PDB file of all heavy atoms in Angstrom:
ATOM      1  N   ILE A   1     -17.014  13.954   8.664  1.00  0.00           N
ATOM      2  CA  ILE A   1     -18.313  13.614   8.104  1.00  0.00           C
ATOM      3  C   ILE A   1     -18.306  12.157   7.642  1.00  0.00           C
ATOM      4  O   ILE A   1     -17.364  11.724   6.977  1.00  0.00           O
ATOM      5  CB  ILE A   1     -18.686  14.521   6.920  1.00  0.00           C
ATOM      6  CG1 ILE A   1     -18.622  16.003   7.330  1.00  0.00           C
ATOM      7  CG2 ILE A   1     -20.075  14.162   6.395  1.00  0.00           C
ATOM      8  CD1 ILE A   1     -19.638  16.392   8.391  1.00  0.00           C
ATOM      9  N   GLY A   2     -19.350  11.442   7.988  1.00  0.00           N
ATOM     10  CA  GLY A   2     -19.481  10.055   7.572  1.00  0.00           C
ATOM     11  C   GLY A   2     -20.742   9.818   6.768  1.00  0.00           C
ATOM     12  O   GLY A   2     -21.728  10.548   6.901  1.00  0.00           O
ATOM     13  N   TRP A   3     -20.687   8.809   5.911  1.00  0.00           N
ATOM     14  CA  TRP A   3     -21.856   8.318   5.191  1.00  0.00           C
ATOM     15  C   TRP A   3     -22.177   6.911   5.696  1.00  0.00           C
ATOM     16  O   TRP A   3     -21.286   6.056   5.803  1.00  0.00           O
ATOM     17  CB  TRP A   3     -21.621   8.269   3.686  1.00  0.00           C
ATOM     18  CG  TRP A   3     -21.664   9.600   3.003  1.00  0.00           C
ATOM     19  CD1 TRP A   3     -20.617  10.394   2.678  1.00  0.00           C
ATOM     20  CD2 TRP A   3     -22.838  10.275   2.529  1.00  0.00           C
ATOM     21  NE1 TRP A   3     -21.053  11.525   2.040  1.00  0.00           N
ATOM     22  CE2 TRP A   3     -22.415  11.485   1.938  1.00  0.00           C
ATOM     23  CE3 TRP A   3     -24.204   9.980   2.558  1.00  0.00           C
ATOM     24  CZ2 TRP A   3     -23.304  12.401   1.374  1.00  0.00           C
ATOM     25  CZ3 TRP A   3     -25.084  10.895   2.005  1.00  0.00           C
ATOM     26  CH2 TRP A   3     -24.631  12.081   1.422  1.00  0.00           C
ATOM     27  N   PHE A   4     -23.437   6.684   5.992  1.00  0.00           N
ATOM     28  CA  PHE A   4     -23.936   5.392   6.430  1.00  0.00           C
ATOM     29  C   PHE A   4     -25.107   5.001   5.546  1.00  0.00           C
ATOM     30  O   PHE A   4     -25.723   5.849   4.913  1.00  0.00           O
ATOM     31  CB  PHE A   4     -24.386   5.451   7.897  1.00  0.00           C
ATOM     32  CG  PHE A   4     -23.288   5.799   8.862  1.00  0.00           C
ATOM     33  CD1 PHE A   4     -22.878   7.114   9.034  1.00  0.00           C
ATOM     34  CD2 PHE A   4     -22.656   4.808   9.602  1.00  0.00           C
ATOM     35  CE1 PHE A   4     -21.867   7.447   9.918  1.00  0.00           C
ATOM     36  CE2 PHE A   4     -21.639   5.122  10.493  1.00  0.00           C
ATOM     37  CZ  PHE A   4     -21.244   6.440  10.650  1.00  0.00           C
ATOM     38  N   ARG A   5     -25.423   3.725   5.507  1.00  0.00           N
ATOM     39  CA  ARG A   5     -26.576   3.284   4.726  1.00  0.00           C
ATOM     40  C   ARG A   5     -27.300   2.159   5.446  1.00  0.00           C
ATOM     41  O   ARG A   5     -26.717   1.438   6.251  1.00  0.00           O
ATOM     42  CB  ARG A   5     -26.158   2.825   3.329  1.00  0.00           C
ATOM     43  CG  ARG A   5     -25.332   1.545   3.302  1.00  0.00           C
ATOM     44  CD  ARG A   5     -24.810   1.267   1.898  1.00  0.00           C
ATOM     45  NE  ARG A   5     -24.045   0.035   1.832  1.00  0.00           N
ATOM     46  CZ  ARG A   5     -23.333  -0.346   0.784  1.00  0.00           C
ATOM     47  NH1 ARG A   5     -23.297   0.410  -0.316  1.00  0.00           N
ATOM     48  NH2 ARG A   5     -22.664  -1.498   0.809  1.00  0.00           N
ATOM     49  N   GLN A   6     -28.573   2.019   5.131  1.00  0.00           N
ATOM     50  CA  GLN A   6     -29.384   0.966   5.720  1.00  0.00           C
ATOM     51  C   GLN A   6     -30.248   0.334   4.635  1.00  0.00           C
ATOM     52  O   GLN A   6     -31.104   0.995   4.044  1.00  0.00           O
ATOM     53  CB  GLN A   6     -30.260   1.511   6.850  1.00  0.00           C
ATOM     54  CG  GLN A   6     -31.002   0.439   7.621  1.00  0.00           C
ATOM     55  CD  GLN A   6     -31.594   0.955   8.914  1.00  0.00           C
ATOM     56  OE1 GLN A   6     -31.858   2.148   9.050  1.00  0.00           O
ATOM     57  NE2 GLN A   6     -31.801   0.073   9.864  1.00  0.00           N
ATOM     58  N   ALA A   7     -30.004  -0.938   4.380  1.00  0.00           N
ATOM     59  CA  ALA A   7     -30.792  -1.687   3.417  1.00  0.00           C
ATOM     60  C   ALA A   7     -32.062  -2.209   4.086  1.00  0.00           C
ATOM     61  O   ALA A   7     -32.106  -2.357   5.312  1.00  0.00           O
ATOM     62  CB  ALA A   7     -29.976  -2.853   2.863  1.00  0.00           C
ATOM     63  N   PRO A   8     -33.097  -2.509   3.302  1.00  0.00           N
ATOM     64  CA  PRO A   8     -34.335  -3.034   3.879  1.00  0.00           C
ATOM     65  C   PRO A   8     -34.087  -4.284   4.713  1.00  0.00           C
ATOM     66  O   PRO A   8     -33.436  -5.226   4.254  1.00  0.00           O
ATOM     67  CB  PRO A   8     -35.182  -3.351   2.647  1.00  0.00           C
ATOM     68  CG  PRO A   8     -34.684  -2.416   1.593  1.00  0.00           C
ATOM     69  CD  PRO A   8     -33.200  -2.326   1.845  1.00  0.00           C
ATOM     70  N   GLY A   9     -34.565  -4.280   5.943  1.00  0.00           N
ATOM     71  CA  GLY A   9     -34.418  -5.428   6.820  1.00  0.00           C
ATOM     72  C   GLY A   9     -33.039  -5.618   7.409  1.00  0.00           C
ATOM     73  O   GLY A   9     -32.804  -6.619   8.095  1.00  0.00           O
ATOM     74  N   LYS A  10     -32.130  -4.681   7.169  1.00  0.00           N
ATOM     75  CA  LYS A  10     -30.756  -4.796   7.654  1.00  0.00           C
ATOM     76  C   LYS A  10     -30.417  -3.660   8.606  1.00  0.00           C
ATOM     77  O   LYS A  10     -31.079  -2.615   8.627  1.00  0.00           O
ATOM     78  CB  LYS A  10     -29.771  -4.792   6.484  1.00  0.00           C
ATOM     79  CG  LYS A  10     -29.992  -5.895   5.457  1.00  0.00           C
ATOM     80  CD  LYS A  10     -29.694  -7.259   6.048  1.00  0.00           C
ATOM     81  CE  LYS A  10     -29.884  -8.355   5.004  1.00  0.00           C
ATOM     82  NZ  LYS A  10     -28.934  -8.217   3.868  1.00  0.00           N
ATOM     83  N   GLU A  11     -29.365  -3.865   9.400  1.00  0.00           N
ATOM     84  CA  GLU A  11     -28.884  -2.818  10.279  1.00  0.00           C
ATOM     85  C   GLU A  11     -28.096  -1.784   9.486  1.00  0.00           C
ATOM     86  O   GLU A  11     -27.549  -2.078   8.427  1.00  0.00           O
ATOM     87  CB  GLU A  11     -27.997  -3.408  11.386  1.00  0.00           C
ATOM     88  CG  GLU A  11     -28.732  -4.299  12.362  1.00  0.00           C
ATOM     89  CD  GLU A  11     -27.869  -4.716  13.529  1.00  0.00           C
ATOM     90  OE1 GLU A  11     -26.674  -4.368  13.549  1.00  0.00           O
ATOM     91  OE2 GLU A  11     -28.393  -5.384  14.429  1.00  0.00           O
ATOM     92  N   ARG A  12     -28.037  -0.585  10.020  1.00  0.00           N
ATOM     93  CA  ARG A  12     -27.285   0.471   9.373  1.00  0.00           C
ATOM     94  C   ARG A  12     -25.789   0.163   9.428  1.00  0.00           C
ATOM     95  O   ARG A  12     -25.283  -0.342  10.438  1.00  0.00           O
ATOM     96  CB  ARG A  12     -27.581   1.805  10.059  1.00  0.00           C
ATOM     97  CG  ARG A  12     -27.015   3.012   9.333  1.00  0.00           C
ATOM     98  CD  ARG A  12     -27.806   4.268   9.655  1.00  0.00           C
ATOM     99  NE  ARG A  12     -27.911   4.504  11.079  1.00  0.00           N
ATOM    100  CZ  ARG A  12     -28.768   5.356  11.622  1.00  0.00           C
ATOM    101  NH1 ARG A  12     -29.610   6.042  10.850  1.00  0.00           N
ATOM    102  NH2 ARG A  12     -28.796   5.522  12.933  1.00  0.00           N
ATOM    103  N   GLU A  13     -25.078   0.468   8.348  1.00  0.00           N
ATOM    104  CA  GLU A  13     -23.653   0.198   8.274  1.00  0.00           C
ATOM    105  C   GLU A  13     -22.903   1.418   7.766  1.00  0.00           C
ATOM    106  O   GLU A  13     -23.440   2.228   7.012  1.00  0.00           O
ATOM    107  CB  GLU A  13     -23.371  -0.992   7.353  1.00  0.00           C
ATOM    108  CG  GLU A  13     -23.777  -0.760   5.903  1.00  0.00           C
ATOM    109  CD  GLU A  13     -23.426  -1.914   4.990  1.00  0.00           C
ATOM    110  OE1 GLU A  13     -22.636  -2.785   5.384  1.00  0.00           O
ATOM    111  OE2 GLU A  13     -23.956  -1.944   3.849  1.00  0.00           O
ATOM    112  N   GLY A  14     -21.657   1.533   8.177  1.00  0.00           N
ATOM    113  CA  GLY A  14     -20.824   2.622   7.713  1.00  0.00           C
ATOM    114  C   GLY A  14     -20.355   2.386   6.292  1.00  0.00           C
ATOM    115  O   GLY A  14     -20.039   1.262   5.910  1.00  0.00           O
ATOM    116  N   VAL A  15     -20.290   3.450   5.514  1.00  0.00           N
ATOM    117  CA  VAL A  15     -19.873   3.388   4.120  1.00  0.00           C
ATOM    118  C   VAL A  15     -18.526   4.064   3.916  1.00  0.00           C
ATOM    119  O   VAL A  15     -17.590   3.476   3.358  1.00  0.00           O
ATOM    120  CB  VAL A  15     -20.927   4.031   3.201  1.00  0.00           C
ATOM    121  CG1 VAL A  15     -20.439   4.047   1.756  1.00  0.00           C
ATOM    122  CG2 VAL A  15     -22.256   3.298   3.319  1.00  0.00           C
ATOM    123  N   SER A  16     -18.418   5.309   4.362  1.00  0.00           N
ATOM    124  CA  SER A  16     -17.205   6.083   4.147  1.00  0.00           C
ATOM    125  C   SER A  16     -17.193   7.272   5.087  1.00  0.00           C
ATOM    126  O   SER A  16     -18.245   7.720   5.535  1.00  0.00           O
ATOM    127  CB  SER A  16     -17.139   6.562   2.684  1.00  0.00           C
ATOM    128  OG  SER A  16     -15.960   7.300   2.431  1.00  0.00           O
ATOM    129  N   CYS A  17     -16.013   7.792   5.368  1.00  0.00           N
ATOM    130  CA  CYS A  17     -15.915   9.014   6.151  1.00  0.00           C
ATOM    131  C   CYS A  17     -14.723   9.829   5.693  1.00  0.00           C
ATOM    132  O   CYS A  17     -13.795   9.309   5.073  1.00  0.00           O
ATOM    133  CB  CYS A  17     -15.850   8.739   7.660  1.00  0.00           C
ATOM    134  SG  CYS A  17     -14.438   7.767   8.226  1.00  0.00           S
ATOM    135  N   ILE A  18     -14.774  11.113   6.018  1.00  0.00           N
ATOM    136  CA  ILE A  18     -13.707  12.036   5.653  1.00  0.00           C
ATOM    137  C   ILE A  18     -13.413  12.926   6.848  1.00  0.00           C
ATOM    138  O   ILE A  18     -14.321  13.394   7.533  1.00  0.00           O
ATOM    139  CB  ILE A  18     -14.091  12.854   4.400  1.00  0.00           C
ATOM    140  CG1 ILE A  18     -12.913  13.698   3.919  1.00  0.00           C
ATOM    141  CG2 ILE A  18     -15.326  13.716   4.656  1.00  0.00           C
ATOM    142  CD1 ILE A  18     -13.116  14.247   2.508  1.00  0.00           C
ATOM    143  N   SER A  19     -12.136  13.148   7.100  1.00  0.00           N
ATOM    144  CA  SER A  19     -11.717  13.894   8.279  1.00  0.00           C
ATOM    145  C   SER A  19     -11.820  15.392   8.062  1.00  0.00           C
ATOM    146  O   SER A  19     -12.108  15.869   6.963  1.00  0.00           O
ATOM    147  CB  SER A  19     -10.275  13.536   8.634  1.00  0.00           C
ATOM    148  OG  SER A  19      -9.382  14.035   7.652  1.00  0.00           O
ATOM    149  N   ARG A  20     -11.554  16.129   9.136  1.00  0.00           N
ATOM    150  CA  ARG A  20     -11.429  17.568   9.034  1.00  0.00           C
ATOM    151  C   ARG A  20     -10.363  17.911   8.008  1.00  0.00           C
ATOM    152  O   ARG A  20      -9.335  17.234   7.922  1.00  0.00           O
ATOM    153  CB  ARG A  20     -11.027  18.163  10.384  1.00  0.00           C
ATOM    154  CG  ARG A  20     -12.042  17.991  11.488  1.00  0.00           C
ATOM    155  CD  ARG A  20     -11.442  18.364  12.834  1.00  0.00           C
ATOM    156  NE  ARG A  20     -10.949  19.736  12.852  1.00  0.00           N
ATOM    157  CZ  ARG A  20     -10.305  20.279  13.867  1.00  0.00           C
ATOM    158  NH1 ARG A  20     -10.082  19.584  14.973  1.00  0.00           N
ATOM    159  NH2 ARG A  20      -9.885  21.539  13.792  1.00  0.00           N
ATOM    160  N   ARG A  21     -10.612  18.937   7.238  1.00  0.00           N
ATOM    161  CA  ARG A  21      -9.665  19.437   6.227  1.00  0.00           C
ATOM    162  C   ARG A  21      -9.294  18.387   5.182  1.00  0.00           C
ATOM    163  O   ARG A  21      -8.300  18.549   4.484  1.00  0.00           O
ATOM    164  CB  ARG A  21      -8.400  19.986   6.899  1.00  0.00           C
ATOM    165  CG  ARG A  21      -8.653  21.004   8.005  1.00  0.00           C
ATOM    166  CD  ARG A  21      -9.350  22.240   7.501  1.00  0.00           C
ATOM    167  NE  ARG A  21      -9.657  23.181   8.568  1.00  0.00           N
ATOM    168  CZ  ARG A  21      -8.849  24.135   8.996  1.00  0.00           C
ATOM    169  NH1 ARG A  21      -7.652  24.300   8.434  1.00  0.00           N
ATOM    170  NH2 ARG A  21      -9.231  24.949   9.968  1.00  0.00           N
ATOM    171  N   SER A  22     -10.057  17.341   5.090  1.00  0.00           N
ATOM    172  CA  SER A  22      -9.844  16.277   4.098  1.00  0.00           C
ATOM    173  C   SER A  22      -8.474  15.628   4.225  1.00  0.00           C
ATOM    174  O   SER A  22      -7.909  15.160   3.232  1.00  0.00           O
ATOM    175  CB  SER A  22     -10.019  16.828   2.679  1.00  0.00           C
ATOM    176  OG  SER A  22     -11.293  17.394   2.499  1.00  0.00           O
ATOM    177  N   SER A  23      -7.938  15.574   5.437  1.00  0.00           N
ATOM    178  CA  SER A  23      -6.605  15.016   5.635  1.00  0.00           C
ATOM    179  C   SER A  23      -6.572  13.501   5.490  1.00  0.00           C
ATOM    180  O   SER A  23      -5.527  12.931   5.209  1.00  0.00           O
ATOM    181  CB  SER A  23      -6.056  15.427   6.994  1.00  0.00           C
ATOM    182  OG  SER A  23      -6.889  14.985   8.049  1.00  0.00           O
ATOM    183  N   SER A  24      -7.711  12.839   5.687  1.00  0.00           N
ATOM    184  CA  SER A  24      -7.768  11.393   5.527  1.00  0.00           C
ATOM    185  C   SER A  24      -9.182  10.962   5.190  1.00  0.00           C
ATOM    186  O   SER A  24     -10.153  11.668   5.484  1.00  0.00           O
ATOM    187  CB  SER A  24      -7.276  10.673   6.784  1.00  0.00           C
ATOM    188  OG  SER A  24      -8.121  10.938   7.892  1.00  0.00           O
ATOM    189  N   THR A  25      -9.289   9.793   4.572  1.00  0.00           N
ATOM    190  CA  THR A  25     -10.579   9.196   4.244  1.00  0.00           C
ATOM    191  C   THR A  25     -10.547   7.718   4.594  1.00  0.00           C
ATOM    192  O   THR A  25      -9.479   7.113   4.722  1.00  0.00           O
ATOM    193  CB  THR A  25     -10.930   9.361   2.757  1.00  0.00           C
ATOM    194  OG1 THR A  25      -9.898   8.763   1.957  1.00  0.00           O
ATOM    195  CG2 THR A  25     -11.061  10.832   2.386  1.00  0.00           C
ATOM    196  N   TYR A  26     -11.735   7.145   4.725  1.00  0.00           N
ATOM    197  CA  TYR A  26     -11.849   5.725   5.012  1.00  0.00           C
ATOM    198  C   TYR A  26     -13.051   5.173   4.262  1.00  0.00           C
ATOM    199  O   TYR A  26     -14.083   5.836   4.151  1.00  0.00           O
ATOM    200  CB  TYR A  26     -12.013   5.488   6.518  1.00  0.00           C
ATOM    201  CG  TYR A  26     -12.192   4.034   6.868  1.00  0.00           C
ATOM    202  CD1 TYR A  26     -11.095   3.187   6.954  1.00  0.00           C
ATOM    203  CD2 TYR A  26     -13.457   3.503   7.098  1.00  0.00           C
ATOM    204  CE1 TYR A  26     -11.251   1.849   7.260  1.00  0.00           C
ATOM    205  CE2 TYR A  26     -13.624   2.168   7.403  1.00  0.00           C
ATOM    206  CZ  TYR A  26     -12.511   1.342   7.479  1.00  0.00           C
ATOM    207  OH  TYR A  26     -12.668   0.014   7.783  1.00  0.00           O
ATOM    208  N   TYR A  27     -12.909   3.946   3.748  1.00  0.00           N
ATOM    209  CA  TYR A  27     -13.985   3.295   3.014  1.00  0.00           C
ATOM    210  C   TYR A  27     -14.208   1.883   3.527  1.00  0.00           C
ATOM    211  O   TYR A  27     -13.248   1.158   3.813  1.00  0.00           O
ATOM    212  CB  TYR A  27     -13.652   3.211   1.521  1.00  0.00           C
ATOM    213  CG  TYR A  27     -13.468   4.552   0.854  1.00  0.00           C
ATOM    214  CD1 TYR A  27     -12.216   5.145   0.782  1.00  0.00           C
ATOM    215  CD2 TYR A  27     -14.555   5.220   0.297  1.00  0.00           C
ATOM    216  CE1 TYR A  27     -12.045   6.374   0.174  1.00  0.00           C
ATOM    217  CE2 TYR A  27     -14.394   6.450  -0.317  1.00  0.00           C
ATOM    218  CZ  TYR A  27     -13.141   7.022  -0.375  1.00  0.00           C
ATOM    219  OH  TYR A  27     -12.976   8.249  -0.987  1.00  0.00           O
ATOM    220  N   ALA A  28     -15.467   1.503   3.622  1.00  0.00           N
ATOM    221  CA  ALA A  28     -15.782   0.115   3.899  1.00  0.00           C
ATOM    222  C   ALA A  28     -15.271  -0.751   2.751  1.00  0.00           C
ATOM    223  O   ALA A  28     -15.238  -0.318   1.596  1.00  0.00           O
ATOM    224  CB  ALA A  28     -17.290  -0.065   4.066  1.00  0.00           C
ATOM    225  N   ASP A  29     -14.869  -1.983   3.060  1.00  0.00           N
ATOM    226  CA  ASP A  29     -14.334  -2.869   2.036  1.00  0.00           C
ATOM    227  C   ASP A  29     -15.301  -3.058   0.868  1.00  0.00           C
ATOM    228  O   ASP A  29     -14.881  -3.199  -0.283  1.00  0.00           O
ATOM    229  CB  ASP A  29     -13.997  -4.234   2.631  1.00  0.00           C
ATOM    230  CG  ASP A  29     -12.772  -4.204   3.520  1.00  0.00           C
ATOM    231  OD1 ASP A  29     -11.979  -3.243   3.433  1.00  0.00           O
ATOM    232  OD2 ASP A  29     -12.602  -5.154   4.311  1.00  0.00           O
ATOM    233  N   SER A  30     -16.584  -3.049   1.154  1.00  0.00           N
ATOM    234  CA  SER A  30     -17.589  -3.312   0.137  1.00  0.00           C
ATOM    235  C   SER A  30     -17.672  -2.230  -0.934  1.00  0.00           C
ATOM    236  O   SER A  30     -18.220  -2.476  -2.009  1.00  0.00           O
ATOM    237  CB  SER A  30     -18.967  -3.488   0.787  1.00  0.00           C
ATOM    238  OG  SER A  30     -19.342  -2.331   1.511  1.00  0.00           O
ATOM    239  N   VAL A  31     -17.135  -1.032  -0.659  1.00  0.00           N
ATOM    240  CA  VAL A  31     -17.245   0.066  -1.614  1.00  0.00           C
ATOM    241  C   VAL A  31     -15.899   0.578  -2.102  1.00  0.00           C
ATOM    242  O   VAL A  31     -15.859   1.464  -2.965  1.00  0.00           O
ATOM    243  CB  VAL A  31     -18.062   1.244  -1.039  1.00  0.00           C
ATOM    244  CG1 VAL A  31     -19.419   0.760  -0.555  1.00  0.00           C
ATOM    245  CG2 VAL A  31     -17.311   1.946   0.083  1.00  0.00           C
ATOM    246  N   LYS A  32     -14.808   0.043  -1.594  1.00  0.00           N
ATOM    247  CA  LYS A  32     -13.480   0.496  -2.007  1.00  0.00           C
ATOM    248  C   LYS A  32     -13.298   0.346  -3.518  1.00  0.00           C
ATOM    249  O   LYS A  32     -13.641  -0.676  -4.095  1.00  0.00           O
ATOM    250  CB  LYS A  32     -12.393  -0.290  -1.283  1.00  0.00           C
ATOM    251  CG  LYS A  32     -12.204   0.097   0.165  1.00  0.00           C
ATOM    252  CD  LYS A  32     -11.095  -0.727   0.818  1.00  0.00           C
ATOM    253  CE  LYS A  32     -10.910  -0.346   2.266  1.00  0.00           C
ATOM    254  NZ  LYS A  32      -9.900  -1.196   2.939  1.00  0.00           N
ATOM    255  N   GLY A  33     -12.755   1.381  -4.121  1.00  0.00           N
ATOM    256  CA  GLY A  33     -12.531   1.373  -5.558  1.00  0.00           C
ATOM    257  C   GLY A  33     -13.724   1.807  -6.375  1.00  0.00           C
ATOM    258  O   GLY A  33     -13.590   2.029  -7.584  1.00  0.00           O
ATOM    259  N   ARG A  34     -14.888   1.919  -5.745  1.00  0.00           N
ATOM    260  CA  ARG A  34     -16.105   2.310  -6.452  1.00  0.00           C
ATOM    261  C   ARG A  34     -16.655   3.652  -5.980  1.00  0.00           C
ATOM    262  O   ARG A  34     -17.218   4.398  -6.776  1.00  0.00           O
ATOM    263  CB  ARG A  34     -17.189   1.243  -6.296  1.00  0.00           C
ATOM    264  CG  ARG A  34     -16.789  -0.117  -6.846  1.00  0.00           C
ATOM    265  CD  ARG A  34     -17.969  -1.093  -6.848  1.00  0.00           C
ATOM    266  NE  ARG A  34     -18.461  -1.354  -5.491  1.00  0.00           N
ATOM    267  CZ  ARG A  34     -19.690  -1.073  -5.067  1.00  0.00           C
ATOM    268  NH1 ARG A  34     -20.578  -0.519  -5.901  1.00  0.00           N
ATOM    269  NH2 ARG A  34     -20.054  -1.358  -3.829  1.00  0.00           N
ATOM    270  N   PHE A  35     -16.516   3.942  -4.694  1.00  0.00           N
ATOM    271  CA  PHE A  35     -17.050   5.174  -4.113  1.00  0.00           C
ATOM    272  C   PHE A  35     -15.906   6.122  -3.783  1.00  0.00           C
ATOM    273  O   PHE A  35     -14.806   5.690  -3.414  1.00  0.00           O
ATOM    274  CB  PHE A  35     -17.823   4.889  -2.824  1.00  0.00           C
ATOM    275  CG  PHE A  35     -19.130   4.163  -3.003  1.00  0.00           C
ATOM    276  CD1 PHE A  35     -19.487   3.580  -4.213  1.00  0.00           C
ATOM    277  CD2 PHE A  35     -20.012   4.074  -1.937  1.00  0.00           C
ATOM    278  CE1 PHE A  35     -20.691   2.909  -4.358  1.00  0.00           C
ATOM    279  CE2 PHE A  35     -21.221   3.408  -2.072  1.00  0.00           C
ATOM    280  CZ  PHE A  35     -21.559   2.826  -3.277  1.00  0.00           C
ATOM    281  N   THR A  36     -16.173   7.421  -3.868  1.00  0.00           N
ATOM    282  CA  THR A  36     -15.215   8.445  -3.491  1.00  0.00           C
ATOM    283  C   THR A  36     -15.905   9.512  -2.662  1.00  0.00           C
ATOM    284  O   THR A  36     -16.910  10.074  -3.087  1.00  0.00           O
ATOM    285  CB  THR A  36     -14.572   9.099  -4.725  1.00  0.00           C
ATOM    286  OG1 THR A  36     -13.941   8.100  -5.535  1.00  0.00           O
ATOM    287  CG2 THR A  36     -13.523  10.121  -4.298  1.00  0.00           C
ATOM    288  N   ILE A  37     -15.353   9.789  -1.487  1.00  0.00           N
ATOM    289  CA  ILE A  37     -15.894  10.830  -0.624  1.00  0.00           C
ATOM    290  C   ILE A  37     -15.028  12.076  -0.747  1.00  0.00           C
ATOM    291  O   ILE A  37     -13.810  11.989  -0.903  1.00  0.00           O
ATOM    292  CB  ILE A  37     -15.975  10.351   0.844  1.00  0.00           C
ATOM    293  CG1 ILE A  37     -16.780  11.333   1.698  1.00  0.00           C
ATOM    294  CG2 ILE A  37     -14.588  10.129   1.436  1.00  0.00           C
ATOM    295  CD1 ILE A  37     -17.119  10.793   3.089  1.00  0.00           C
ATOM    296  N   SER A  38     -15.663  13.238  -0.699  1.00  0.00           N
ATOM    297  CA  SER A  38     -14.938  14.500  -0.760  1.00  0.00           C
ATOM    298  C   SER A  38     -15.727  15.562  -0.012  1.00  0.00           C
ATOM    299  O   SER A  38     -16.905  15.371   0.290  1.00  0.00           O
ATOM    300  CB  SER A  38     -14.699  14.928  -2.211  1.00  0.00           C
ATOM    301  OG  SER A  38     -15.921  15.122  -2.897  1.00  0.00           O
ATOM    302  N   ARG A  39     -15.064  16.665   0.298  1.00  0.00           N
ATOM    303  CA  ARG A  39     -15.770  17.761   0.962  1.00  0.00           C
ATOM    304  C   ARG A  39     -15.311  19.094   0.406  1.00  0.00           C
ATOM    305  O   ARG A  39     -14.157  19.254  -0.014  1.00  0.00           O
ATOM    306  CB  ARG A  39     -15.581  17.709   2.488  1.00  0.00           C
ATOM    307  CG  ARG A  39     -14.168  17.976   2.982  1.00  0.00           C
ATOM    308  CD  ARG A  39     -14.038  17.645   4.476  1.00  0.00           C
ATOM    309  NE  ARG A  39     -14.823  18.541   5.315  1.00  0.00           N
ATOM    310  CZ  ARG A  39     -15.116  18.305   6.597  1.00  0.00           C
ATOM    311  NH1 ARG A  39     -14.700  17.177   7.175  1.00  0.00           N
ATOM    312  NH2 ARG A  39     -15.824  19.183   7.286  1.00  0.00           N
TER     313      ARG A  39
END
């Protein structure tokens, strides 16, 4: 599962994703340390 966002006038960008069974996660540099993804 991934989270994406789109700001006004901007292209959509990836924010974070989480793998099957929560074995791994990934964060865009812009949100590292501030956002946490879970399932």
